[in-house]
Amino acid sequence: MSTKLYVGNIPYPASADELNEHFAQAGGVATVDRLTERRTGRTRGFCFVEMESAEAAQQAVEQLHNQEFQGRNLRVVLSRPNDD
């Protein structure tokens, strides 16, 4: 099972530290990859969060999917592998 999560519908002003703190409710967070647009540097409306274990990742999906975060309901799902 994957430990990487796709998180969508993130408020633009939310920082990686705030996301880390929010996801720590479900278990240990390894990394938060908050993506930005190349041309403008503006954050995008999604990120990838890697949890420390598969159990923590599953707990995050169950606990945080569709939960309100800074005025928006997050979409939290297990990330699919990149087929590059």
PDB file of N, CA and C in Angstrom:
ATOM      1  N   MET A   1       0.842  -1.176   0.000  1.00  0.00           N
ATOM      2  CA  MET A   1       0.000   0.000   0.000  1.00  0.00           C
ATOM      3  C   MET A   1       0.889   1.241   0.000  1.00  0.00           C
ATOM      4  N   SER A   2       0.450   2.254  -0.678  1.00  0.00           N
ATOM      5  CA  SER A   2       1.209   3.490  -0.810  1.00  0.00           C
ATOM      6  C   SER A   2       1.165   4.331   0.467  1.00  0.00           C
ATOM      7  N   THR A   3       2.200   5.114   0.665  1.00  0.00           N
ATOM      8  CA  THR A   3       2.224   6.065   1.782  1.00  0.00           C
ATOM      9  C   THR A   3       2.053   7.486   1.277  1.00  0.00           C
ATOM     10  N   LYS A   4       1.935   7.649  -0.057  1.00  0.00           N
ATOM     11  CA  LYS A   4       1.819   8.969  -0.653  1.00  0.00           C
ATOM     12  C   LYS A   4       0.358   9.293  -0.932  1.00  0.00           C
ATOM     13  N   LEU A   5      -0.044  10.509  -0.562  1.00  0.00           N
ATOM     14  CA  LEU A   5      -1.417  10.957  -0.742  1.00  0.00           C
ATOM     15  C   LEU A   5      -1.482  12.120  -1.718  1.00  0.00           C
ATOM     16  N   TYR A   6      -2.526  12.138  -2.520  1.00  0.00           N
ATOM     17  CA  TYR A   6      -2.860  13.310  -3.329  1.00  0.00           C
ATOM     18  C   TYR A   6      -3.881  14.095  -2.515  1.00  0.00           C
ATOM     19  N   VAL A   7      -3.627  15.386  -2.341  1.00  0.00           N
ATOM     20  CA  VAL A   7      -4.534  16.240  -1.583  1.00  0.00           C
ATOM     21  C   VAL A   7      -4.967  17.387  -2.490  1.00  0.00           C
ATOM     22  N   GLY A   8      -6.249  17.449  -2.781  1.00  0.00           N
ATOM     23  CA  GLY A   8      -6.786  18.487  -3.654  1.00  0.00           C
ATOM     24  C   GLY A   8      -7.688  19.452  -2.913  1.00  0.00           C
ATOM     25  N   ASN A   9      -8.014  20.538  -3.603  1.00  0.00           N
ATOM     26  CA  ASN A   9      -8.895  21.594  -3.102  1.00  0.00           C
ATOM     27  C   ASN A   9      -8.273  22.336  -1.912  1.00  0.00           C
ATOM     28  N   ILE A  10      -6.965  22.522  -1.966  1.00  0.00           N
ATOM     29  CA  ILE A  10      -6.249  23.217  -0.891  1.00  0.00           C
ATOM     30  C   ILE A  10      -6.403  24.722  -1.085  1.00  0.00           C
ATOM     31  N   PRO A  11      -6.657  25.453  -0.008  1.00  0.00           N
ATOM     32  CA  PRO A  11      -6.692  26.912  -0.112  1.00  0.00           C
ATOM     33  C   PRO A  11      -5.320  27.435  -0.558  1.00  0.00           C
ATOM     34  N   TYR A  12      -5.297  28.398  -1.462  1.00  0.00           N
ATOM     35  CA  TYR A  12      -4.030  28.912  -1.990  1.00  0.00           C
ATOM     36  C   TYR A  12      -3.095  29.464  -0.916  1.00  0.00           C
ATOM     37  N   PRO A  13      -3.593  30.154   0.120  1.00  0.00           N
ATOM     38  CA  PRO A  13      -2.652  30.691   1.111  1.00  0.00           C
ATOM     39  C   PRO A  13      -2.085  29.660   2.091  1.00  0.00           C
ATOM     40  N   ALA A  14      -2.578  28.444   2.105  1.00  0.00           N
ATOM     41  CA  ALA A  14      -2.131  27.430   3.070  1.00  0.00           C
ATOM     42  C   ALA A  14      -0.657  27.084   2.839  1.00  0.00           C
ATOM     43  N   SER A  15       0.103  27.036   3.915  1.00  0.00           N
ATOM     44  CA  SER A  15       1.528  26.725   3.814  1.00  0.00           C
ATOM     45  C   SER A  15       1.767  25.227   4.006  1.00  0.00           C
ATOM     46  N   ALA A  16       2.963  24.793   3.633  1.00  0.00           N
ATOM     47  CA  ALA A  16       3.349  23.392   3.827  1.00  0.00           C
ATOM     48  C   ALA A  16       3.359  23.055   5.316  1.00  0.00           C
ATOM     49  N   ASP A  17       3.784  23.992   6.157  1.00  0.00           N
ATOM     50  CA  ASP A  17       3.796  23.754   7.603  1.00  0.00           C
ATOM     51  C   ASP A  17       2.386  23.555   8.149  1.00  0.00           C
ATOM     52  N   GLU A  18       1.433  24.346   7.663  1.00  0.00           N
ATOM     53  CA  GLU A  18       0.044  24.200   8.109  1.00  0.00           C
ATOM     54  C   GLU A  18      -0.530  22.856   7.657  1.00  0.00           C
ATOM     55  N   LEU A  19      -0.201  22.453   6.443  1.00  0.00           N
ATOM     56  CA  LEU A  19      -0.658  21.147   5.953  1.00  0.00           C
ATOM     57  C   LEU A  19      -0.022  20.019   6.750  1.00  0.00           C
ATOM     58  N   ASN A  20       1.263  20.145   7.043  1.00  0.00           N
ATOM     59  CA  ASN A  20       1.957  19.143   7.851  1.00  0.00           C
ATOM     60  C   ASN A  20       1.274  18.987   9.200  1.00  0.00           C
ATOM     61  N   GLU A  21       0.964  20.092   9.834  1.00  0.00           N
ATOM     62  CA  GLU A  21       0.293  20.058  11.143  1.00  0.00           C
ATOM     63  C   GLU A  21      -1.085  19.416  11.037  1.00  0.00           C
ATOM     64  N   HIS A  22      -1.812  19.741   9.982  1.00  0.00           N
ATOM     65  CA  HIS A  22      -3.159  19.188   9.796  1.00  0.00           C
ATOM     66  C   HIS A  22      -3.107  17.672   9.598  1.00  0.00           C
ATOM     67  N   PHE A  23      -2.170  17.198   8.773  1.00  0.00           N
ATOM     68  CA  PHE A  23      -2.085  15.765   8.483  1.00  0.00           C
ATOM     69  C   PHE A  23      -1.464  14.983   9.630  1.00  0.00           C
ATOM     70  N   ALA A  24      -0.744  15.640  10.508  1.00  0.00           N
ATOM     71  CA  ALA A  24      -0.159  14.965  11.669  1.00  0.00           C
ATOM     72  C   ALA A  24      -1.243  14.418  12.601  1.00  0.00           C
ATOM     73  N   GLN A  25      -2.485  14.900  12.470  1.00  0.00           N
ATOM     74  CA  GLN A  25      -3.603  14.362  13.247  1.00  0.00           C
ATOM     75  C   GLN A  25      -3.791  12.869  12.969  1.00  0.00           C
ATOM     76  N   ALA A  26      -3.437  12.443  11.755  1.00  0.00           N
ATOM     77  CA  ALA A  26      -3.673  11.062  11.336  1.00  0.00           C
ATOM     78  C   ALA A  26      -2.455  10.166  11.540  1.00  0.00           C
ATOM     79  N   GLY A  27      -1.296  10.760  11.807  1.00  0.00           N
ATOM     80  CA  GLY A  27      -0.073   9.975  11.978  1.00  0.00           C
ATOM     81  C   GLY A  27       1.135  10.769  11.547  1.00  0.00           C
ATOM     82  N   GLY A  28       2.278  10.103  11.535  1.00  0.00           N
ATOM     83  CA  GLY A  28       3.524  10.779  11.189  1.00  0.00           C
ATOM     84  C   GLY A  28       3.573  11.199   9.728  1.00  0.00           C
ATOM     85  N   VAL A  29       3.993  12.434   9.494  1.00  0.00           N
ATOM     86  CA  VAL A  29       4.127  12.979   8.148  1.00  0.00           C
ATOM     87  C   VAL A  29       5.606  12.989   7.779  1.00  0.00           C
ATOM     88  N   ALA A  30       5.938  12.387   6.628  1.00  0.00           N
ATOM     89  CA  ALA A  30       7.326  12.374   6.165  1.00  0.00           C
ATOM     90  C   ALA A  30       7.638  13.646   5.374  1.00  0.00           C
ATOM     91  N   THR A  31       6.800  13.979   4.386  1.00  0.00           N
ATOM     92  CA  THR A  31       7.032  15.166   3.565  1.00  0.00           C
ATOM     93  C   THR A  31       5.702  15.765   3.104  1.00  0.00           C
ATOM     94  N   VAL A  32       5.741  17.058   2.815  1.00  0.00           N
ATOM     95  CA  VAL A  32       4.635  17.750   2.171  1.00  0.00           C
ATOM     96  C   VAL A  32       5.228  18.445   0.952  1.00  0.00           C
ATOM     97  N   ASP A  33       4.754  18.085  -0.232  1.00  0.00           N
ATOM     98  CA  ASP A  33       5.255  18.663  -1.477  1.00  0.00           C
ATOM     99  C   ASP A  33       4.201  19.605  -2.030  1.00  0.00           C
ATOM    100  N   ARG A  34       4.319  20.875  -1.688  1.00  0.00           N
ATOM    101  CA  ARG A  34       3.381  21.914  -2.131  1.00  0.00           C
ATOM    102  C   ARG A  34       3.871  22.463  -3.453  1.00  0.00           C
ATOM    103  N   LEU A  35       3.159  22.194  -4.534  1.00  0.00           N
ATOM    104  CA  LEU A  35       3.601  22.544  -5.876  1.00  0.00           C
ATOM    105  C   LEU A  35       3.252  23.984  -6.231  1.00  0.00           C
ATOM    106  N   THR A  36       4.100  24.588  -7.072  1.00  0.00           N
ATOM    107  CA  THR A  36       3.862  25.958  -7.535  1.00  0.00           C
ATOM    108  C   THR A  36       3.904  25.988  -9.059  1.00  0.00           C
ATOM    109  N   GLU A  37       3.261  27.007  -9.627  1.00  0.00           N
ATOM    110  CA  GLU A  37       3.302  27.200 -11.071  1.00  0.00           C
ATOM    111  C   GLU A  37       4.668  27.765 -11.447  1.00  0.00           C
ATOM    112  N   ARG A  38       5.233  27.275 -12.516  1.00  0.00           N
ATOM    113  CA  ARG A  38       6.585  27.687 -12.914  1.00  0.00           C
ATOM    114  C   ARG A  38       6.668  29.161 -13.277  1.00  0.00           C
ATOM    115  N   ARG A  39       5.726  29.641 -14.064  1.00  0.00           N
ATOM    116  CA  ARG A  39       5.798  31.028 -14.547  1.00  0.00           C
ATOM    117  C   ARG A  39       5.502  32.046 -13.467  1.00  0.00           C
ATOM    118  N   THR A  40       4.480  31.799 -12.662  1.00  0.00           N
ATOM    119  CA  THR A  40       4.032  32.806 -11.701  1.00  0.00           C
ATOM    120  C   THR A  40       4.539  32.575 -10.288  1.00  0.00           C
ATOM    121  N   GLY A  41       4.932  31.353  -9.962  1.00  0.00           N
ATOM    122  CA  GLY A  41       5.357  31.037  -8.600  1.00  0.00           C
ATOM    123  C   GLY A  41       4.193  30.866  -7.636  1.00  0.00           C
ATOM    124  N   ARG A  42       2.977  31.008  -8.137  1.00  0.00           N
ATOM    125  CA  ARG A  42       1.777  30.866  -7.304  1.00  0.00           C
ATOM    126  C   ARG A  42       1.556  29.391  -6.958  1.00  0.00           C
ATOM    127  N   THR A  43       1.142  29.148  -5.723  1.00  0.00           N
ATOM    128  CA  THR A  43       0.869  27.771  -5.332  1.00  0.00           C
ATOM    129  C   THR A  43      -0.335  27.247  -6.099  1.00  0.00           C
ATOM    130  N   ARG A  44      -0.324  25.955  -6.309  1.00  0.00           N
ATOM    131  CA  ARG A  44      -1.416  25.303  -7.018  1.00  0.00           C
ATOM    132  C   ARG A  44      -2.412  24.780  -5.995  1.00  0.00           C
ATOM    133  N   GLY A  45      -3.551  24.328  -6.434  1.00  0.00           N
ATOM    134  CA  GLY A  45      -4.609  23.904  -5.533  1.00  0.00           C
ATOM    135  C   GLY A  45      -4.496  22.476  -5.052  1.00  0.00           C
ATOM    136  N   PHE A  46      -3.310  21.881  -5.189  1.00  0.00           N
ATOM    137  CA  PHE A  46      -3.128  20.511  -4.713  1.00  0.00           C
ATOM    138  C   PHE A  46      -1.690  20.316  -4.255  1.00  0.00           C
ATOM    139  N   CYS A  47      -1.477  19.202  -3.564  1.00  0.00           N
ATOM    140  CA  CYS A  47      -0.126  18.843  -3.124  1.00  0.00           C
ATOM    141  C   CYS A  47      -0.055  17.337  -2.935  1.00  0.00           C
ATOM    142  N   PHE A  48       1.127  16.866  -2.615  1.00  0.00           N
ATOM    143  CA  PHE A  48       1.338  15.469  -2.272  1.00  0.00           C
ATOM    144  C   PHE A  48       1.884  15.420  -0.855  1.00  0.00           C
ATOM    145  N   VAL A  49       1.296  14.566  -0.049  1.00  0.00           N
ATOM    146  CA  VAL A  49       1.737  14.375   1.331  1.00  0.00           C
ATOM    147  C   VAL A  49       2.177  12.923   1.456  1.00  0.00           C
ATOM    148  N   GLU A  50       3.399  12.723   1.933  1.00  0.00           N
ATOM    149  CA  GLU A  50       3.873  11.368   2.169  1.00  0.00           C
ATOM    150  C   GLU A  50       3.844  11.106   3.664  1.00  0.00           C
ATOM    151  N   MET A  51       3.122  10.074   4.039  1.00  0.00           N
ATOM    152  CA  MET A  51       3.011   9.697   5.438  1.00  0.00           C
ATOM    153  C   MET A  51       4.124   8.707   5.778  1.00  0.00           C
ATOM    154  N   GLU A  52       4.406   8.547   7.066  1.00  0.00           N
ATOM    155  CA  GLU A  52       5.499   7.672   7.489  1.00  0.00           C
ATOM    156  C   GLU A  52       5.183   6.183   7.352  1.00  0.00           C
ATOM    157  N   SER A  53       3.905   5.834   7.261  1.00  0.00           N
ATOM    158  CA  SER A  53       3.534   4.426   7.118  1.00  0.00           C
ATOM    159  C   SER A  53       2.257   4.314   6.287  1.00  0.00           C
ATOM    160  N   ALA A  54       2.040   3.119   5.768  1.00  0.00           N
ATOM    161  CA  ALA A  54       0.815   2.851   5.010  1.00  0.00           C
ATOM    162  C   ALA A  54      -0.411   2.993   5.903  1.00  0.00           C
ATOM    163  N   GLU A  55      -0.272   2.597   7.153  1.00  0.00           N
ATOM    164  CA  GLU A  55      -1.388   2.715   8.104  1.00  0.00           C
ATOM    165  C   GLU A  55      -1.751   4.180   8.334  1.00  0.00           C
ATOM    166  N   ALA A  56      -0.737   5.032   8.473  1.00  0.00           N
ATOM    167  CA  ALA A  56      -0.989   6.473   8.664  1.00  0.00           C
ATOM    168  C   ALA A  56      -1.632   7.068   7.418  1.00  0.00           C
ATOM    169  N   ALA A  57      -1.210   6.605   6.237  1.00  0.00           N
ATOM    170  CA  ALA A  57      -1.807   7.091   4.991  1.00  0.00           C
ATOM    171  C   ALA A  57      -3.285   6.713   4.919  1.00  0.00           C
ATOM    172  N   GLN A  58      -3.597   5.479   5.245  1.00  0.00           N
ATOM    173  CA  GLN A  58      -4.998   5.033   5.228  1.00  0.00           C
ATOM    174  C   GLN A  58      -5.817   5.802   6.263  1.00  0.00           C
ATOM    175  N   GLN A  59      -5.240   6.030   7.433  1.00  0.00           N
ATOM    176  CA  GLN A  59      -5.922   6.790   8.486  1.00  0.00           C
ATOM    177  C   GLN A  59      -6.200   8.222   8.010  1.00  0.00           C
ATOM    178  N   ALA A  60      -5.246   8.819   7.305  1.00  0.00           N
ATOM    179  CA  ALA A  60      -5.431  10.183   6.792  1.00  0.00           C
ATOM    180  C   ALA A  60      -6.576  10.238   5.790  1.00  0.00           C
ATOM    181  N   VAL A  61      -6.657   9.239   4.912  1.00  0.00           N
ATOM    182  CA  VAL A  61      -7.755   9.203   3.944  1.00  0.00           C
ATOM    183  C   VAL A  61      -9.089   9.110   4.677  1.00  0.00           C
ATOM    184  N   GLU A  62      -9.179   8.189   5.616  1.00  0.00           N
ATOM    185  CA  GLU A  62     -10.437   7.976   6.343  1.00  0.00           C
ATOM    186  C   GLU A  62     -10.819   9.180   7.201  1.00  0.00           C
ATOM    187  N   GLN A  63      -9.848   9.802   7.818  1.00  0.00           N
ATOM    188  CA  GLN A  63     -10.116  10.878   8.774  1.00  0.00           C
ATOM    189  C   GLN A  63     -10.218  12.260   8.130  1.00  0.00           C
ATOM    190  N   LEU A  64      -9.438  12.522   7.073  1.00  0.00           N
ATOM    191  CA  LEU A  64      -9.323  13.885   6.565  1.00  0.00           C
ATOM    192  C   LEU A  64     -10.000  14.137   5.225  1.00  0.00           C
ATOM    193  N   HIS A  65     -10.368  13.081   4.495  1.00  0.00           N
ATOM    194  CA  HIS A  65     -11.062  13.282   3.222  1.00  0.00           C
ATOM    195  C   HIS A  65     -12.387  13.999   3.460  1.00  0.00           C
ATOM    196  N   ASN A  66     -12.591  15.038   2.689  1.00  0.00           N
ATOM    197  CA  ASN A  66     -13.811  15.851   2.744  1.00  0.00           C
ATOM    198  C   ASN A  66     -13.943  16.627   4.057  1.00  0.00           C
ATOM    199  N   GLN A  67     -12.851  16.745   4.811  1.00  0.00           N
ATOM    200  CA  GLN A  67     -12.865  17.537   6.042  1.00  0.00           C
ATOM    201  C   GLN A  67     -12.494  18.986   5.715  1.00  0.00           C
ATOM    202  N   GLU A  68     -13.125  19.916   6.405  1.00  0.00           N
ATOM    203  CA  GLU A  68     -12.871  21.338   6.189  1.00  0.00           C
ATOM    204  C   GLU A  68     -11.480  21.714   6.685  1.00  0.00           C
ATOM    205  N   PHE A  69     -10.757  22.464   5.863  1.00  0.00           N
ATOM    206  CA  PHE A  69      -9.438  22.991   6.197  1.00  0.00           C
ATOM    207  C   PHE A  69      -9.357  24.404   5.639  1.00  0.00           C
ATOM    208  N   GLN A  70      -9.290  25.380   6.510  1.00  0.00           N
ATOM    209  CA  GLN A  70      -9.220  26.796   6.127  1.00  0.00           C
ATOM    210  C   GLN A  70     -10.331  27.182   5.148  1.00  0.00           C
ATOM    211  N   GLY A  71     -11.534  26.694   5.420  1.00  0.00           N
ATOM    212  CA  GLY A  71     -12.694  27.079   4.628  1.00  0.00           C
ATOM    213  C   GLY A  71     -12.976  26.238   3.397  1.00  0.00           C
ATOM    214  N   ARG A  72     -12.169  25.229   3.144  1.00  0.00           N
ATOM    215  CA  ARG A  72     -12.397  24.362   1.980  1.00  0.00           C
ATOM    216  C   ARG A  72     -12.366  22.908   2.412  1.00  0.00           C
ATOM    217  N   ASN A  73     -13.174  22.073   1.755  1.00  0.00           N
ATOM    218  CA  ASN A  73     -13.171  20.632   2.034  1.00  0.00           C
ATOM    219  C   ASN A  73     -12.094  19.969   1.192  1.00  0.00           C
ATOM    220  N   LEU A  74     -11.143  19.327   1.865  1.00  0.00           N
ATOM    221  CA  LEU A  74     -10.031  18.690   1.182  1.00  0.00           C
ATOM    222  C   LEU A  74     -10.451  17.393   0.503  1.00  0.00           C
ATOM    223  N   ARG A  75      -9.794  17.099  -0.604  1.00  0.00           N
ATOM    224  CA  ARG A  75      -9.928  15.793  -1.265  1.00  0.00           C
ATOM    225  C   ARG A  75      -8.644  15.043  -0.958  1.00  0.00           C
ATOM    226  N   VAL A  76      -8.749  13.963  -0.212  1.00  0.00           N
ATOM    227  CA  VAL A  76      -7.577  13.186   0.199  1.00  0.00           C
ATOM    228  C   VAL A  76      -7.744  11.757  -0.296  1.00  0.00           C
ATOM    229  N   VAL A  77      -6.848  11.339  -1.193  1.00  0.00           N
ATOM    230  CA  VAL A  77      -6.881   9.984  -1.748  1.00  0.00           C
ATOM    231  C   VAL A  77      -5.459   9.453  -1.837  1.00  0.00           C
ATOM    232  N   LEU A  78      -5.329   8.125  -1.871  1.00  0.00           N
ATOM    233  CA  LEU A  78      -4.018   7.533  -2.094  1.00  0.00           C
ATOM    234  C   LEU A  78      -3.546   7.907  -3.495  1.00  0.00           C
ATOM    235  N   SER A  79      -2.294   8.309  -3.587  1.00  0.00           N
ATOM    236  CA  SER A  79      -1.723   8.715  -4.868  1.00  0.00           C
ATOM    237  C   SER A  79      -1.514   7.492  -5.752  1.00  0.00           C
ATOM    238  N   ARG A  80      -1.797   7.653  -7.021  1.00  0.00           N
ATOM    239  CA  ARG A  80      -1.553   6.576  -7.985  1.00  0.00           C
ATOM    240  C   ARG A  80      -0.112   6.671  -8.471  1.00  0.00           C
ATOM    241  N   PRO A  81       0.512   5.541  -8.766  1.00  0.00           N
ATOM    242  CA  PRO A  81       1.893   5.580  -9.266  1.00  0.00           C
ATOM    243  C   PRO A  81       1.963   6.284 -10.612  1.00  0.00           C
ATOM    244  N   ASN A  82       3.059   6.986 -10.836  1.00  0.00           N
ATOM    245  CA  ASN A  82       3.295   7.659 -12.099  1.00  0.00           C
ATOM    246  C   ASN A  82       3.808   6.633 -13.102  1.00  0.00           C
ATOM    247  N   ASP A  83       3.169   6.535 -14.249  1.00  0.00           N
ATOM    248  CA  ASP A  83       3.531   5.513 -15.244  1.00  0.00           C
ATOM    249  C   ASP A  83       4.528   6.006 -16.275  1.00  0.00           C
ATOM    250  N   ASP A  84       5.382   6.943 -15.907  1.00  0.00           N
ATOM    251  CA  ASP A  84       6.374   7.493 -16.859  1.00  0.00           C
ATOM    252  C   ASP A  84       7.401   6.481 -17.232  1.00  0.00           C
TER     253      ASP A  84
END
